[in-house]
């Protein structure tokens, strides 16, 4: 019983992103900004859209311990919405 989704449907999924393995070779002062870029790229890949907005709560969670000490894993909810121009 496989379910196929149309691209116009509203789809919401939860993911756990392992930031530790994705930012392993990143310098200390670049870790939090690059973590936001990694989250955007992850959302782009899994939702199949170029328009990605990161909520302020996700941004605050990544930056909560400073630029160097980001959380090892982050649990996020990704929603794909239909654009007005589509």
C-alpha atoms as a PDB file:
ATOM      1  CA  UNK A   1       0.000   0.000   0.000  1.00  0.00           C
ATOM      2  CA  UNK A   2       2.283   2.724  -1.262  1.00  0.00           C
ATOM      3  CA  UNK A   3       0.958   6.260  -1.234  1.00  0.00           C
ATOM      4  CA  UNK A   4       1.966   8.689  -3.935  1.00  0.00           C
ATOM      5  CA  UNK A   5       1.844  12.409  -3.251  1.00  0.00           C
ATOM      6  CA  UNK A   6       1.205  15.089  -5.776  1.00  0.00           C
ATOM      7  CA  UNK A   7       3.538  18.078  -5.584  1.00  0.00           C
ATOM      8  CA  UNK A   8       0.547  20.319  -4.822  1.00  0.00           C
ATOM      9  CA  UNK A   9      -0.450  18.462  -1.656  1.00  0.00           C
ATOM     10  CA  UNK A  10       0.391  19.868   1.749  1.00  0.00           C
ATOM     11  CA  UNK A  11       3.027  17.520   3.164  1.00  0.00           C
ATOM     12  CA  UNK A  12       4.441  17.682   6.689  1.00  0.00           C
ATOM     13  CA  UNK A  13       7.175  15.356   7.906  1.00  0.00           C
ATOM     14  CA  UNK A  14       9.476  15.193  10.921  1.00  0.00           C
ATOM     15  CA  UNK A  15      13.170  14.527  10.558  1.00  0.00           C
ATOM     16  CA  UNK A  16      16.154  14.216  12.875  1.00  0.00           C
ATOM     17  CA  UNK A  17      19.229  15.771  11.294  1.00  0.00           C
ATOM     18  CA  UNK A  18      22.592  14.605  12.593  1.00  0.00           C
ATOM     19  CA  UNK A  19      24.588  17.842  12.480  1.00  0.00           C
ATOM     20  CA  UNK A  20      27.659  16.274  14.059  1.00  0.00           C
ATOM     21  CA  UNK A  21      28.480  14.117  11.033  1.00  0.00           C
ATOM     22  CA  UNK A  22      27.638  16.872   8.547  1.00  0.00           C
ATOM     23  CA  UNK A  23      29.840  19.516  10.208  1.00  0.00           C
ATOM     24  CA  UNK A  24      32.766  17.306  11.207  1.00  0.00           C
ATOM     25  CA  UNK A  25      35.491  19.169   9.286  1.00  0.00           C
ATOM     26  CA  UNK A  26      34.156  22.687   9.857  1.00  0.00           C
ATOM     27  CA  UNK A  27      36.115  25.313  11.773  1.00  0.00           C
ATOM     28  CA  UNK A  28      34.761  26.576  15.076  1.00  0.00           C
ATOM     29  CA  UNK A  29      33.683  30.031  13.922  1.00  0.00           C
ATOM     30  CA  UNK A  30      31.757  28.640  10.941  1.00  0.00           C
ATOM     31  CA  UNK A  31      29.754  25.883  12.623  1.00  0.00           C
ATOM     32  CA  UNK A  32      26.414  27.608  13.370  1.00  0.00           C
ATOM     33  CA  UNK A  33      26.108  29.452  10.024  1.00  0.00           C
ATOM     34  CA  UNK A  34      27.006  26.291   8.144  1.00  0.00           C
ATOM     35  CA  UNK A  35      24.493  24.288  10.211  1.00  0.00           C
ATOM     36  CA  UNK A  36      21.712  26.564   8.922  1.00  0.00           C
ATOM     37  CA  UNK A  37      22.938  25.975   5.356  1.00  0.00           C
ATOM     38  CA  UNK A  38      22.969  22.214   5.976  1.00  0.00           C
ATOM     39  CA  UNK A  39      19.389  22.323   7.292  1.00  0.00           C
ATOM     40  CA  UNK A  40      18.271  24.293   4.218  1.00  0.00           C
ATOM     41  CA  UNK A  41      19.996  21.832   1.880  1.00  0.00           C
ATOM     42  CA  UNK A  42      18.397  18.906   3.730  1.00  0.00           C
ATOM     43  CA  UNK A  43      14.946  20.452   3.389  1.00  0.00           C
ATOM     44  CA  UNK A  44      15.562  21.178  -0.305  1.00  0.00           C
ATOM     45  CA  UNK A  45      16.554  17.576  -0.942  1.00  0.00           C
ATOM     46  CA  UNK A  46      13.752  15.890   0.995  1.00  0.00           C
ATOM     47  CA  UNK A  47      10.906  18.194  -0.031  1.00  0.00           C
ATOM     48  CA  UNK A  48      11.912  18.726  -3.646  1.00  0.00           C
ATOM     49  CA  UNK A  49      11.641  22.501  -3.661  1.00  0.00           C
ATOM     50  CA  UNK A  50      14.082  25.397  -3.948  1.00  0.00           C
ATOM     51  CA  UNK A  51      12.126  27.838  -1.754  1.00  0.00           C
ATOM     52  CA  UNK A  52      13.096  27.001   1.835  1.00  0.00           C
ATOM     53  CA  UNK A  53      12.430  29.166   4.872  1.00  0.00           C
ATOM     54  CA  UNK A  54      13.975  28.377   8.247  1.00  0.00           C
ATOM     55  CA  UNK A  55      11.788  29.247  11.224  1.00  0.00           C
ATOM     56  CA  UNK A  56      13.224  31.455  13.956  1.00  0.00           C
ATOM     57  CA  UNK A  57      12.807  28.663  16.537  1.00  0.00           C
ATOM     58  CA  UNK A  58      15.155  26.422  14.508  1.00  0.00           C
ATOM     59  CA  UNK A  59      17.633  29.274  14.196  1.00  0.00           C
ATOM     60  CA  UNK A  60      17.518  29.954  17.939  1.00  0.00           C
ATOM     61  CA  UNK A  61      17.989  26.253  18.720  1.00  0.00           C
ATOM     62  CA  UNK A  62      21.096  26.048  16.497  1.00  0.00           C
ATOM     63  CA  UNK A  63      22.585  29.227  17.981  1.00  0.00           C
ATOM     64  CA  UNK A  64      21.506  28.433  21.598  1.00  0.00           C
ATOM     65  CA  UNK A  65      24.994  27.370  22.740  1.00  0.00           C
ATOM     66  CA  UNK A  66      26.913  29.836  20.601  1.00  0.00           C
ATOM     67  CA  UNK A  67      28.690  29.682  17.266  1.00  0.00           C
ATOM     68  CA  UNK A  68      30.994  26.784  18.202  1.00  0.00           C
ATOM     69  CA  UNK A  69      28.871  24.401  20.279  1.00  0.00           C
ATOM     70  CA  UNK A  70      25.919  23.556  18.095  1.00  0.00           C
ATOM     71  CA  UNK A  71      23.552  20.701  19.038  1.00  0.00           C
ATOM     72  CA  UNK A  72      24.713  17.306  17.778  1.00  0.00           C
ATOM     73  CA  UNK A  73      21.260  16.432  16.482  1.00  0.00           C
ATOM     74  CA  UNK A  74      18.206  18.543  15.806  1.00  0.00           C
ATOM     75  CA  UNK A  75      14.614  17.379  15.355  1.00  0.00           C
ATOM     76  CA  UNK A  76      12.731  19.484  12.816  1.00  0.00           C
ATOM     77  CA  UNK A  77       9.350  19.488  11.170  1.00  0.00           C
ATOM     78  CA  UNK A  78       9.336  20.302   7.447  1.00  0.00           C
ATOM     79  CA  UNK A  79       6.187  21.453   5.669  1.00  0.00           C
ATOM     80  CA  UNK A  80       5.877  21.856   1.929  1.00  0.00           C
ATOM     81  CA  UNK A  81       3.233  24.393   0.973  1.00  0.00           C
ATOM     82  CA  UNK A  82       1.860  25.264  -2.414  1.00  0.00           C
ATOM     83  CA  UNK A  83       3.141  28.599  -3.737  1.00  0.00           C
ATOM     84  CA  UNK A  84       0.734  31.174  -5.141  1.00  0.00           C
ATOM     85  CA  UNK A  85       2.598  31.341  -8.455  1.00  0.00           C
ATOM     86  CA  UNK A  86       2.414  27.582  -9.147  1.00  0.00           C
END
